[in-house]
Amino acid sequence: MLRCRASGTASLDRINRYCNAPEPVAPETSCPVADPVYPGTGVTTLAEADFVSGGDTPVTFRRTYRSVPHLHPDAGVGSGWFHNWQRQLDLTNARAASPQVIAYREDGEPVTFVKTNGAWRGKGTASFALRDGTNGWTLTDLTTDTAEAYSSAGVLLSVSTHDGQQEHPPRTIAEGPTQSV
């Protein structure tokens, strides 16, 4: 058995430091609530709000980082980063034999829609509704009651809130940085 009494020698000084050390901090026994790692895939995410204006319906600019992106963004905000005005529709297979549209959300997460009996249905979610029209597309977020208007090429044109407010993305942000002025 080790006794914690030193008599002044060098080896006993080490024992004395050990015996008189502060109590160790107890390990964390709970899971972190805001852990940005998806345990199933190991993908790391991080969200940052860079700008929020005042008012009843503030204009915001938010970025989300994904360590393994679903698509490769070119928005001029850094590698692996997406922003809320970068939402887009992938219309590559919209007119295929098995029609499919992928809506990339502001965090880079894809929502896939398939056309069944003439209507677009979200796979695995009932939170969104998609309509194609003669001049473009409309994606409605049914949880927030906002409607996003997209061009016929899948570019975000505007966002309309439930109270009638309409926001238009800044073109230099939505299309990437300009090459020259």
N, C-alpha and C. Protein backbone atom coordinates (compact mmCIF):
# COMPACT_ATOMS: atom_id res chain seq x y z
N MET A 1 0.85 -1.18 0.00
CA MET A 1 0.00 0.00 0.00
C MET A 1 0.89 1.23 0.00
N LEU A 2 0.51 2.21 -0.82
CA LEU A 2 1.28 3.44 -0.95
C LEU A 2 0.82 4.43 0.10
N ARG A 3 1.80 4.98 0.81
CA ARG A 3 1.48 6.00 1.81
C ARG A 3 1.87 7.35 1.23
N CYS A 4 1.11 8.35 1.55
CA CYS A 4 1.34 9.68 0.99
C CYS A 4 2.05 10.59 1.99
N ARG A 5 3.16 10.15 2.47
CA ARG A 5 3.97 10.99 3.35
C ARG A 5 5.37 11.03 2.79
N ALA A 6 5.80 12.20 2.51
CA ALA A 6 7.14 12.36 1.94
C ALA A 6 8.11 12.81 3.02
N SER A 7 9.36 12.39 2.87
CA SER A 7 10.38 12.80 3.84
C SER A 7 11.39 13.75 3.22
N GLY A 8 11.11 14.27 2.01
CA GLY A 8 11.98 15.27 1.41
C GLY A 8 12.89 14.75 0.32
N THR A 9 12.97 13.49 0.04
CA THR A 9 13.82 12.99 -1.03
C THR A 9 13.13 13.20 -2.37
N ALA A 10 13.90 13.10 -3.48
CA ALA A 10 13.38 13.34 -4.83
C ALA A 10 12.27 12.37 -5.19
N SER A 11 12.45 11.09 -4.89
CA SER A 11 11.42 10.11 -5.25
C SER A 11 10.17 10.32 -4.41
N LEU A 12 10.35 10.75 -3.19
CA LEU A 12 9.19 11.00 -2.35
C LEU A 12 8.48 12.29 -2.76
N ASP A 13 9.19 13.24 -3.35
CA ASP A 13 8.54 14.46 -3.86
C ASP A 13 7.53 14.11 -4.95
N ARG A 14 7.92 13.17 -5.81
CA ARG A 14 7.01 12.74 -6.88
C ARG A 14 5.77 12.09 -6.28
N ILE A 15 5.93 11.27 -5.27
CA ILE A 15 4.79 10.62 -4.61
C ILE A 15 3.92 11.68 -3.94
N ASN A 16 4.54 12.67 -3.34
CA ASN A 16 3.81 13.73 -2.67
C ASN A 16 2.97 14.54 -3.67
N ARG A 17 3.56 14.85 -4.85
CA ARG A 17 2.80 15.57 -5.88
C ARG A 17 1.61 14.73 -6.35
N TYR A 18 1.82 13.43 -6.48
CA TYR A 18 0.74 12.53 -6.90
C TYR A 18 -0.37 12.50 -5.86
N CYS A 19 0.02 12.34 -4.61
CA CYS A 19 -0.96 12.22 -3.54
C CYS A 19 -1.72 13.53 -3.27
N ASN A 20 -1.11 14.66 -3.56
CA ASN A 20 -1.74 15.96 -3.30
C ASN A 20 -2.30 16.61 -4.57
N ALA A 21 -2.40 15.85 -5.63
CA ALA A 21 -2.96 16.39 -6.88
C ALA A 21 -4.44 16.69 -6.70
N PRO A 22 -4.95 17.67 -7.45
CA PRO A 22 -6.38 17.96 -7.34
C PRO A 22 -7.21 16.78 -7.85
N GLU A 23 -8.43 16.71 -7.38
CA GLU A 23 -9.33 15.65 -7.79
C GLU A 23 -9.57 15.73 -9.30
N PRO A 24 -9.54 14.59 -10.00
CA PRO A 24 -9.80 14.63 -11.44
C PRO A 24 -11.25 15.00 -11.72
N VAL A 25 -11.46 15.66 -12.85
CA VAL A 25 -12.80 16.04 -13.26
C VAL A 25 -13.53 14.78 -13.70
N ALA A 26 -14.76 14.63 -13.27
CA ALA A 26 -15.56 13.46 -13.63
C ALA A 26 -15.85 13.48 -15.13
N PRO A 27 -15.82 12.33 -15.78
CA PRO A 27 -16.11 12.29 -17.21
C PRO A 27 -17.57 12.63 -17.48
N GLU A 28 -17.82 13.15 -18.69
CA GLU A 28 -19.18 13.50 -19.11
C GLU A 28 -20.00 12.21 -19.20
N THR A 29 -21.16 12.22 -18.56
CA THR A 29 -21.99 11.02 -18.56
C THR A 29 -23.21 11.15 -19.46
N SER A 30 -23.36 12.29 -20.12
CA SER A 30 -24.52 12.47 -21.00
C SER A 30 -24.06 12.66 -22.44
N CYS A 31 -24.97 12.41 -23.37
CA CYS A 31 -24.67 12.62 -24.79
C CYS A 31 -24.87 14.09 -25.13
N PRO A 32 -24.00 14.68 -25.92
CA PRO A 32 -24.20 16.08 -26.30
C PRO A 32 -25.44 16.22 -27.17
N VAL A 33 -26.21 17.27 -26.93
CA VAL A 33 -27.45 17.49 -27.66
C VAL A 33 -27.19 18.01 -29.06
N ALA A 34 -26.24 18.90 -29.21
CA ALA A 34 -26.01 19.55 -30.51
C ALA A 34 -24.78 18.99 -31.21
N ASP A 35 -24.49 17.73 -31.01
CA ASP A 35 -23.33 17.13 -31.66
C ASP A 35 -23.55 17.15 -33.17
N PRO A 36 -22.64 17.75 -33.93
CA PRO A 36 -22.86 17.87 -35.37
C PRO A 36 -22.46 16.65 -36.18
N VAL A 37 -22.22 15.50 -35.54
CA VAL A 37 -21.81 14.31 -36.28
C VAL A 37 -22.99 13.35 -36.37
N TYR A 38 -23.27 12.88 -37.60
CA TYR A 38 -24.28 11.86 -37.79
C TYR A 38 -23.65 10.51 -37.48
N PRO A 39 -24.08 9.83 -36.42
CA PRO A 39 -23.41 8.60 -36.02
C PRO A 39 -23.49 7.48 -37.05
N GLY A 40 -24.53 7.42 -37.85
CA GLY A 40 -24.67 6.36 -38.84
C GLY A 40 -23.69 6.46 -39.99
N THR A 41 -23.28 7.69 -40.33
CA THR A 41 -22.41 7.89 -41.50
C THR A 41 -21.08 8.52 -41.16
N GLY A 42 -20.99 9.18 -40.02
CA GLY A 42 -19.77 9.88 -39.66
C GLY A 42 -19.65 11.25 -40.31
N VAL A 43 -20.69 11.68 -41.02
CA VAL A 43 -20.69 12.99 -41.67
C VAL A 43 -20.80 14.07 -40.60
N THR A 44 -19.96 15.07 -40.71
CA THR A 44 -19.96 16.20 -39.78
C THR A 44 -20.67 17.38 -40.42
N THR A 45 -21.54 18.04 -39.67
CA THR A 45 -22.19 19.25 -40.16
C THR A 45 -22.02 20.36 -39.13
N LEU A 46 -22.09 21.58 -39.62
CA LEU A 46 -22.00 22.74 -38.75
C LEU A 46 -22.77 23.86 -39.41
N ALA A 47 -23.69 24.49 -38.69
CA ALA A 47 -24.50 25.59 -39.23
C ALA A 47 -24.09 26.90 -38.56
N GLU A 48 -24.01 27.96 -39.37
CA GLU A 48 -23.65 29.29 -38.88
C GLU A 48 -24.61 30.31 -39.48
N ALA A 49 -25.14 31.21 -38.65
CA ALA A 49 -25.95 32.32 -39.14
C ALA A 49 -25.03 33.53 -39.23
N ASP A 50 -24.72 33.95 -40.45
CA ASP A 50 -23.80 35.07 -40.65
C ASP A 50 -24.50 36.43 -40.57
N PHE A 51 -25.78 36.46 -40.95
CA PHE A 51 -26.50 37.73 -40.95
C PHE A 51 -27.97 37.46 -40.71
N VAL A 52 -28.57 38.23 -39.80
CA VAL A 52 -30.01 38.20 -39.56
C VAL A 52 -30.45 39.64 -39.38
N SER A 53 -31.32 40.12 -40.27
CA SER A 53 -31.79 41.50 -40.16
C SER A 53 -32.89 41.58 -39.11
N GLY A 54 -33.32 42.76 -38.80
CA GLY A 54 -34.40 42.95 -37.85
C GLY A 54 -35.75 42.84 -38.53
N GLY A 55 -36.79 43.11 -37.79
CA GLY A 55 -38.14 43.12 -38.35
C GLY A 55 -38.90 41.84 -38.09
N ASP A 56 -40.16 41.86 -38.53
CA ASP A 56 -41.04 40.71 -38.32
C ASP A 56 -40.63 39.50 -39.15
N THR A 57 -40.15 39.73 -40.36
CA THR A 57 -39.68 38.64 -41.23
C THR A 57 -38.25 38.97 -41.64
N PRO A 58 -37.29 38.61 -40.80
CA PRO A 58 -35.91 39.00 -41.06
C PRO A 58 -35.32 38.30 -42.28
N VAL A 59 -34.43 39.01 -42.95
CA VAL A 59 -33.65 38.44 -44.04
C VAL A 59 -32.43 37.78 -43.38
N THR A 60 -32.15 36.56 -43.78
CA THR A 60 -31.03 35.85 -43.16
C THR A 60 -30.06 35.33 -44.22
N PHE A 61 -28.83 35.16 -43.78
CA PHE A 61 -27.83 34.48 -44.59
C PHE A 61 -27.18 33.45 -43.68
N ARG A 62 -27.48 32.17 -43.95
CA ARG A 62 -26.96 31.07 -43.15
C ARG A 62 -26.10 30.16 -44.01
N ARG A 63 -25.03 29.65 -43.40
CA ARG A 63 -24.18 28.67 -44.08
C ARG A 63 -24.20 27.37 -43.30
N THR A 64 -24.08 26.26 -44.02
CA THR A 64 -23.98 24.94 -43.40
C THR A 64 -22.80 24.21 -44.02
N TYR A 65 -21.96 23.66 -43.17
CA TYR A 65 -20.82 22.87 -43.64
C TYR A 65 -21.19 21.39 -43.58
N ARG A 66 -20.83 20.65 -44.62
CA ARG A 66 -20.99 19.19 -44.65
C ARG A 66 -19.65 18.59 -45.04
N SER A 67 -19.13 17.69 -44.20
CA SER A 67 -17.84 17.08 -44.48
C SER A 67 -17.90 16.19 -45.72
N VAL A 68 -19.06 15.62 -46.00
CA VAL A 68 -19.26 14.81 -47.21
C VAL A 68 -20.51 15.37 -47.90
N PRO A 69 -20.33 16.31 -48.83
CA PRO A 69 -21.50 16.92 -49.47
C PRO A 69 -22.17 15.99 -50.47
N HIS A 70 -23.48 16.20 -50.64
CA HIS A 70 -24.25 15.44 -51.63
C HIS A 70 -23.98 15.97 -53.03
N LEU A 71 -23.67 17.24 -53.14
CA LEU A 71 -23.28 17.83 -54.40
C LEU A 71 -22.11 18.76 -54.10
N HIS A 72 -21.39 19.15 -55.11
CA HIS A 72 -20.22 19.98 -54.88
C HIS A 72 -20.58 21.44 -55.11
N PRO A 73 -20.76 22.20 -54.02
CA PRO A 73 -21.19 23.58 -54.15
C PRO A 73 -20.09 24.47 -54.71
N ASP A 74 -20.51 25.47 -55.43
CA ASP A 74 -19.59 26.49 -55.93
C ASP A 74 -20.22 27.84 -55.65
N ALA A 75 -20.35 28.15 -54.37
CA ALA A 75 -21.03 29.37 -53.98
C ALA A 75 -20.09 30.43 -53.46
N GLY A 76 -18.80 30.17 -53.48
CA GLY A 76 -17.85 31.16 -53.04
C GLY A 76 -17.83 31.37 -51.54
N VAL A 77 -18.33 30.42 -50.75
CA VAL A 77 -18.31 30.56 -49.30
C VAL A 77 -17.42 29.51 -48.65
N GLY A 78 -16.62 28.80 -49.43
CA GLY A 78 -15.68 27.83 -48.90
C GLY A 78 -16.03 26.41 -49.29
N SER A 79 -15.03 25.57 -49.31
CA SER A 79 -15.20 24.18 -49.68
C SER A 79 -16.09 23.44 -48.68
N GLY A 80 -17.11 22.78 -49.17
CA GLY A 80 -18.02 22.02 -48.32
C GLY A 80 -19.12 22.84 -47.68
N TRP A 81 -19.16 24.15 -47.93
CA TRP A 81 -20.17 25.02 -47.34
C TRP A 81 -21.31 25.27 -48.32
N PHE A 82 -22.52 25.33 -47.79
CA PHE A 82 -23.73 25.67 -48.55
C PHE A 82 -24.36 26.86 -47.86
N HIS A 83 -25.15 27.64 -48.58
CA HIS A 83 -25.88 28.73 -47.93
C HIS A 83 -27.35 28.64 -48.29
N ASN A 84 -28.17 29.34 -47.50
CA ASN A 84 -29.62 29.21 -47.63
C ASN A 84 -30.16 29.76 -48.94
N TRP A 85 -29.41 30.56 -49.67
CA TRP A 85 -29.87 31.05 -50.98
C TRP A 85 -29.35 30.17 -52.12
N GLN A 86 -28.74 29.07 -51.78
CA GLN A 86 -28.17 28.17 -52.77
C GLN A 86 -29.11 27.00 -53.09
N ARG A 87 -30.29 27.00 -52.53
CA ARG A 87 -31.25 25.93 -52.81
C ARG A 87 -31.43 25.81 -54.32
N GLN A 88 -31.61 24.59 -54.78
CA GLN A 88 -31.75 24.37 -56.22
C GLN A 88 -32.47 23.06 -56.49
N LEU A 89 -32.96 22.93 -57.71
CA LEU A 89 -33.59 21.69 -58.16
C LEU A 89 -32.70 21.04 -59.21
N ASP A 90 -32.47 19.74 -59.06
CA ASP A 90 -31.77 18.96 -60.08
C ASP A 90 -32.85 18.36 -60.97
N LEU A 91 -32.98 18.90 -62.18
CA LEU A 91 -34.04 18.50 -63.10
C LEU A 91 -33.55 17.54 -64.18
N THR A 92 -32.39 16.94 -63.99
CA THR A 92 -31.79 16.07 -64.99
C THR A 92 -32.74 14.96 -65.43
N ASN A 93 -33.48 14.37 -64.49
CA ASN A 93 -34.37 13.25 -64.81
C ASN A 93 -35.85 13.62 -64.70
N ALA A 94 -36.17 14.90 -64.77
CA ALA A 94 -37.55 15.34 -64.61
C ALA A 94 -38.46 14.85 -65.74
N ARG A 95 -37.92 14.66 -66.92
CA ARG A 95 -38.72 14.22 -68.06
C ARG A 95 -38.36 12.79 -68.50
N ALA A 96 -37.69 12.04 -67.63
CA ALA A 96 -37.28 10.67 -67.95
C ALA A 96 -38.47 9.72 -67.88
N ALA A 97 -38.26 8.47 -68.28
CA ALA A 97 -39.32 7.46 -68.22
C ALA A 97 -39.81 7.27 -66.79
N SER A 98 -38.91 7.32 -65.82
CA SER A 98 -39.26 7.31 -64.40
C SER A 98 -38.87 8.67 -63.85
N PRO A 99 -39.77 9.67 -63.96
CA PRO A 99 -39.42 11.05 -63.61
C PRO A 99 -39.00 11.20 -62.14
N GLN A 100 -37.94 11.97 -61.96
CA GLN A 100 -37.41 12.23 -60.63
C GLN A 100 -36.79 13.63 -60.60
N VAL A 101 -37.03 14.35 -59.51
CA VAL A 101 -36.43 15.67 -59.28
C VAL A 101 -35.80 15.63 -57.89
N ILE A 102 -34.60 16.17 -57.78
CA ILE A 102 -33.94 16.25 -56.47
C ILE A 102 -33.87 17.73 -56.09
N ALA A 103 -34.44 18.04 -54.93
CA ALA A 103 -34.40 19.40 -54.39
C ALA A 103 -33.30 19.45 -53.33
N TYR A 104 -32.27 20.26 -53.58
CA TYR A 104 -31.20 20.42 -52.59
C TYR A 104 -31.58 21.58 -51.68
N ARG A 105 -31.67 21.27 -50.41
CA ARG A 105 -32.10 22.25 -49.42
C ARG A 105 -30.93 23.14 -49.01
N GLU A 106 -31.20 24.11 -48.14
CA GLU A 106 -30.19 25.10 -47.78
C GLU A 106 -28.99 24.50 -47.06
N ASP A 107 -29.14 23.33 -46.48
CA ASP A 107 -28.02 22.67 -45.81
C ASP A 107 -27.34 21.63 -46.70
N GLY A 108 -27.73 21.59 -47.98
CA GLY A 108 -27.14 20.65 -48.92
C GLY A 108 -27.80 19.28 -48.91
N GLU A 109 -28.78 19.09 -48.05
CA GLU A 109 -29.47 17.81 -47.94
C GLU A 109 -30.44 17.64 -49.12
N PRO A 110 -30.44 16.48 -49.79
CA PRO A 110 -31.35 16.28 -50.91
C PRO A 110 -32.71 15.75 -50.48
N VAL A 111 -33.75 16.22 -51.16
CA VAL A 111 -35.10 15.66 -51.02
C VAL A 111 -35.50 15.20 -52.42
N THR A 112 -35.78 13.92 -52.56
CA THR A 112 -36.09 13.34 -53.87
C THR A 112 -37.60 13.27 -54.07
N PHE A 113 -38.04 13.69 -55.26
CA PHE A 113 -39.44 13.61 -55.65
C PHE A 113 -39.57 12.69 -56.85
N VAL A 114 -40.62 11.88 -56.86
CA VAL A 114 -40.94 11.03 -58.01
C VAL A 114 -42.35 11.39 -58.47
N LYS A 115 -42.57 11.27 -59.77
CA LYS A 115 -43.88 11.60 -60.32
C LYS A 115 -44.72 10.33 -60.38
N THR A 116 -45.85 10.36 -59.68
CA THR A 116 -46.77 9.24 -59.61
C THR A 116 -48.17 9.73 -59.95
N ASN A 117 -48.78 9.13 -60.97
CA ASN A 117 -50.13 9.52 -61.40
C ASN A 117 -50.24 11.02 -61.66
N GLY A 118 -49.22 11.59 -62.26
CA GLY A 118 -49.23 13.00 -62.64
C GLY A 118 -48.88 13.98 -61.54
N ALA A 119 -48.60 13.50 -60.32
CA ALA A 119 -48.27 14.39 -59.20
C ALA A 119 -46.89 14.04 -58.65
N TRP A 120 -46.17 15.06 -58.22
CA TRP A 120 -44.85 14.86 -57.63
C TRP A 120 -44.99 14.55 -56.15
N ARG A 121 -44.37 13.46 -55.71
CA ARG A 121 -44.43 13.03 -54.32
C ARG A 121 -43.01 12.91 -53.76
N GLY A 122 -42.83 13.42 -52.55
CA GLY A 122 -41.53 13.31 -51.90
C GLY A 122 -41.30 11.90 -51.39
N LYS A 123 -40.14 11.34 -51.67
CA LYS A 123 -39.80 10.00 -51.17
C LYS A 123 -39.36 10.10 -49.72
N GLY A 124 -40.09 9.43 -48.85
CA GLY A 124 -39.71 9.40 -47.44
C GLY A 124 -40.08 10.65 -46.66
N THR A 125 -40.81 11.57 -47.25
CA THR A 125 -41.21 12.78 -46.53
C THR A 125 -42.55 13.29 -47.06
N ALA A 126 -43.33 13.83 -46.16
CA ALA A 126 -44.57 14.49 -46.55
C ALA A 126 -44.49 15.98 -46.22
N SER A 127 -43.28 16.46 -45.95
CA SER A 127 -43.08 17.85 -45.54
C SER A 127 -43.02 18.83 -46.70
N PHE A 128 -42.89 18.32 -47.93
CA PHE A 128 -42.73 19.19 -49.09
C PHE A 128 -43.70 18.79 -50.20
N ALA A 129 -44.11 19.79 -50.98
CA ALA A 129 -44.93 19.56 -52.17
C ALA A 129 -44.24 20.23 -53.35
N LEU A 130 -44.20 19.55 -54.49
CA LEU A 130 -43.54 20.07 -55.68
C LEU A 130 -44.54 20.13 -56.82
N ARG A 131 -44.54 21.25 -57.55
CA ARG A 131 -45.40 21.43 -58.73
C ARG A 131 -44.55 21.96 -59.87
N ASP A 132 -44.80 21.45 -61.06
CA ASP A 132 -44.15 22.02 -62.24
C ASP A 132 -45.19 22.79 -63.02
N GLY A 133 -44.79 23.97 -63.48
CA GLY A 133 -45.68 24.82 -64.25
C GLY A 133 -45.06 25.16 -65.59
N THR A 134 -45.73 26.01 -66.34
CA THR A 134 -45.23 26.37 -67.66
C THR A 134 -43.99 27.24 -67.58
N ASN A 135 -43.86 28.05 -66.52
CA ASN A 135 -42.72 28.96 -66.40
C ASN A 135 -41.69 28.54 -65.36
N GLY A 136 -41.86 27.38 -64.76
CA GLY A 136 -40.91 26.95 -63.74
C GLY A 136 -41.54 26.00 -62.75
N TRP A 137 -40.97 25.97 -61.56
CA TRP A 137 -41.34 25.02 -60.53
C TRP A 137 -41.66 25.75 -59.23
N THR A 138 -42.52 25.14 -58.40
CA THR A 138 -42.81 25.66 -57.07
C THR A 138 -42.63 24.53 -56.07
N LEU A 139 -41.82 24.78 -55.05
CA LEU A 139 -41.62 23.83 -53.96
C LEU A 139 -42.18 24.47 -52.70
N THR A 140 -43.13 23.81 -52.07
CA THR A 140 -43.75 24.33 -50.86
C THR A 140 -43.29 23.52 -49.66
N ASP A 141 -42.80 24.23 -48.65
CA ASP A 141 -42.44 23.60 -47.38
C ASP A 141 -43.71 23.62 -46.53
N LEU A 142 -44.33 22.47 -46.34
CA LEU A 142 -45.61 22.39 -45.66
C LEU A 142 -45.50 22.62 -44.16
N THR A 143 -44.32 22.50 -43.59
CA THR A 143 -44.16 22.74 -42.15
C THR A 143 -44.07 24.23 -41.84
N THR A 144 -43.51 25.03 -42.75
CA THR A 144 -43.39 26.47 -42.53
C THR A 144 -44.33 27.28 -43.41
N ASP A 145 -45.02 26.62 -44.32
CA ASP A 145 -45.93 27.25 -45.26
C ASP A 145 -45.23 28.33 -46.10
N THR A 146 -44.04 28.00 -46.57
CA THR A 146 -43.32 28.88 -47.48
C THR A 146 -43.26 28.23 -48.85
N ALA A 147 -43.30 29.07 -49.88
CA ALA A 147 -43.25 28.58 -51.26
C ALA A 147 -42.01 29.13 -51.93
N GLU A 148 -41.25 28.24 -52.56
CA GLU A 148 -40.03 28.62 -53.27
C GLU A 148 -40.29 28.51 -54.76
N ALA A 149 -40.04 29.60 -55.49
CA ALA A 149 -40.21 29.60 -56.94
C ALA A 149 -38.86 29.35 -57.59
N TYR A 150 -38.84 28.42 -58.55
CA TYR A 150 -37.62 28.06 -59.28
C TYR A 150 -37.84 28.27 -60.76
N SER A 151 -36.77 28.60 -61.46
CA SER A 151 -36.83 28.74 -62.91
C SER A 151 -36.98 27.37 -63.55
N SER A 152 -37.19 27.35 -64.85
CA SER A 152 -37.30 26.08 -65.57
C SER A 152 -35.97 25.33 -65.59
N ALA A 153 -34.88 26.01 -65.18
CA ALA A 153 -33.56 25.37 -65.08
C ALA A 153 -33.25 24.92 -63.64
N GLY A 154 -34.17 25.18 -62.69
CA GLY A 154 -33.97 24.75 -61.31
C GLY A 154 -33.29 25.76 -60.42
N VAL A 155 -33.16 27.02 -60.86
CA VAL A 155 -32.50 28.07 -60.08
C VAL A 155 -33.54 28.76 -59.19
N LEU A 156 -33.21 28.94 -57.91
CA LEU A 156 -34.10 29.61 -56.97
C LEU A 156 -34.32 31.06 -57.38
N LEU A 157 -35.60 31.44 -57.52
CA LEU A 157 -35.94 32.81 -57.91
C LEU A 157 -36.47 33.64 -56.75
N SER A 158 -37.32 33.03 -55.91
CA SER A 158 -37.89 33.76 -54.78
C SER A 158 -38.43 32.79 -53.74
N VAL A 159 -38.64 33.35 -52.54
CA VAL A 159 -39.24 32.60 -51.44
C VAL A 159 -40.38 33.45 -50.91
N SER A 160 -41.58 32.88 -50.85
CA SER A 160 -42.76 33.58 -50.33
C SER A 160 -43.17 32.94 -49.01
N THR A 161 -43.33 33.78 -47.98
CA THR A 161 -43.72 33.27 -46.66
C THR A 161 -45.23 33.19 -46.55
N HIS A 162 -45.70 32.58 -45.48
CA HIS A 162 -47.13 32.39 -45.27
C HIS A 162 -47.89 33.71 -45.14
N ASP A 163 -47.22 34.78 -44.74
CA ASP A 163 -47.89 36.07 -44.58
C ASP A 163 -47.74 36.98 -45.79
N GLY A 164 -47.28 36.42 -46.91
CA GLY A 164 -47.21 37.18 -48.15
C GLY A 164 -45.90 37.88 -48.42
N GLN A 165 -44.96 37.83 -47.48
CA GLN A 165 -43.65 38.45 -47.71
C GLN A 165 -42.91 37.65 -48.78
N GLN A 166 -42.20 38.36 -49.63
CA GLN A 166 -41.45 37.70 -50.69
C GLN A 166 -40.00 38.16 -50.65
N GLU A 167 -39.09 37.18 -50.70
CA GLU A 167 -37.65 37.47 -50.70
C GLU A 167 -37.06 36.96 -52.00
N HIS A 168 -36.13 37.73 -52.53
CA HIS A 168 -35.42 37.34 -53.76
C HIS A 168 -33.95 37.16 -53.42
N PRO A 169 -33.36 36.06 -53.84
CA PRO A 169 -31.94 35.86 -53.51
C PRO A 169 -31.06 36.86 -54.25
N PRO A 170 -30.02 37.34 -53.58
CA PRO A 170 -29.05 38.18 -54.29
C PRO A 170 -28.40 37.37 -55.40
N ARG A 171 -28.40 37.86 -56.61
CA ARG A 171 -27.90 37.09 -57.75
C ARG A 171 -26.42 36.73 -57.62
N THR A 172 -25.60 37.62 -57.08
CA THR A 172 -24.18 37.29 -57.00
C THR A 172 -23.92 36.19 -55.99
N ILE A 173 -24.78 36.05 -54.99
CA ILE A 173 -24.62 34.96 -54.04
C ILE A 173 -25.19 33.68 -54.62
N ALA A 174 -26.39 33.74 -55.18
CA ALA A 174 -27.05 32.54 -55.68
C ALA A 174 -26.31 31.93 -56.87
N GLU A 175 -25.67 32.73 -57.67
CA GLU A 175 -24.99 32.21 -58.86
C GLU A 175 -23.49 32.09 -58.68
N GLY A 176 -22.98 32.46 -57.52
CA GLY A 176 -21.54 32.39 -57.28
C GLY A 176 -20.91 33.75 -57.44
N PRO A 177 -19.68 33.89 -57.04
CA PRO A 177 -19.02 35.19 -57.11
C PRO A 177 -18.76 35.62 -58.55
N THR A 178 -18.69 36.91 -58.74
CA THR A 178 -18.40 37.42 -60.08
C THR A 178 -16.91 37.29 -60.36
N GLN A 179 -16.56 37.16 -61.62
CA GLN A 179 -15.16 37.02 -62.01
C GLN A 179 -14.47 38.37 -62.13
N SER A 180 -15.22 39.40 -62.54
CA SER A 180 -14.63 40.72 -62.66
C SER A 180 -15.72 41.76 -62.54
N VAL A 181 -15.31 42.99 -62.27
CA VAL A 181 -16.27 44.08 -62.12
C VAL A 181 -16.00 45.10 -63.19
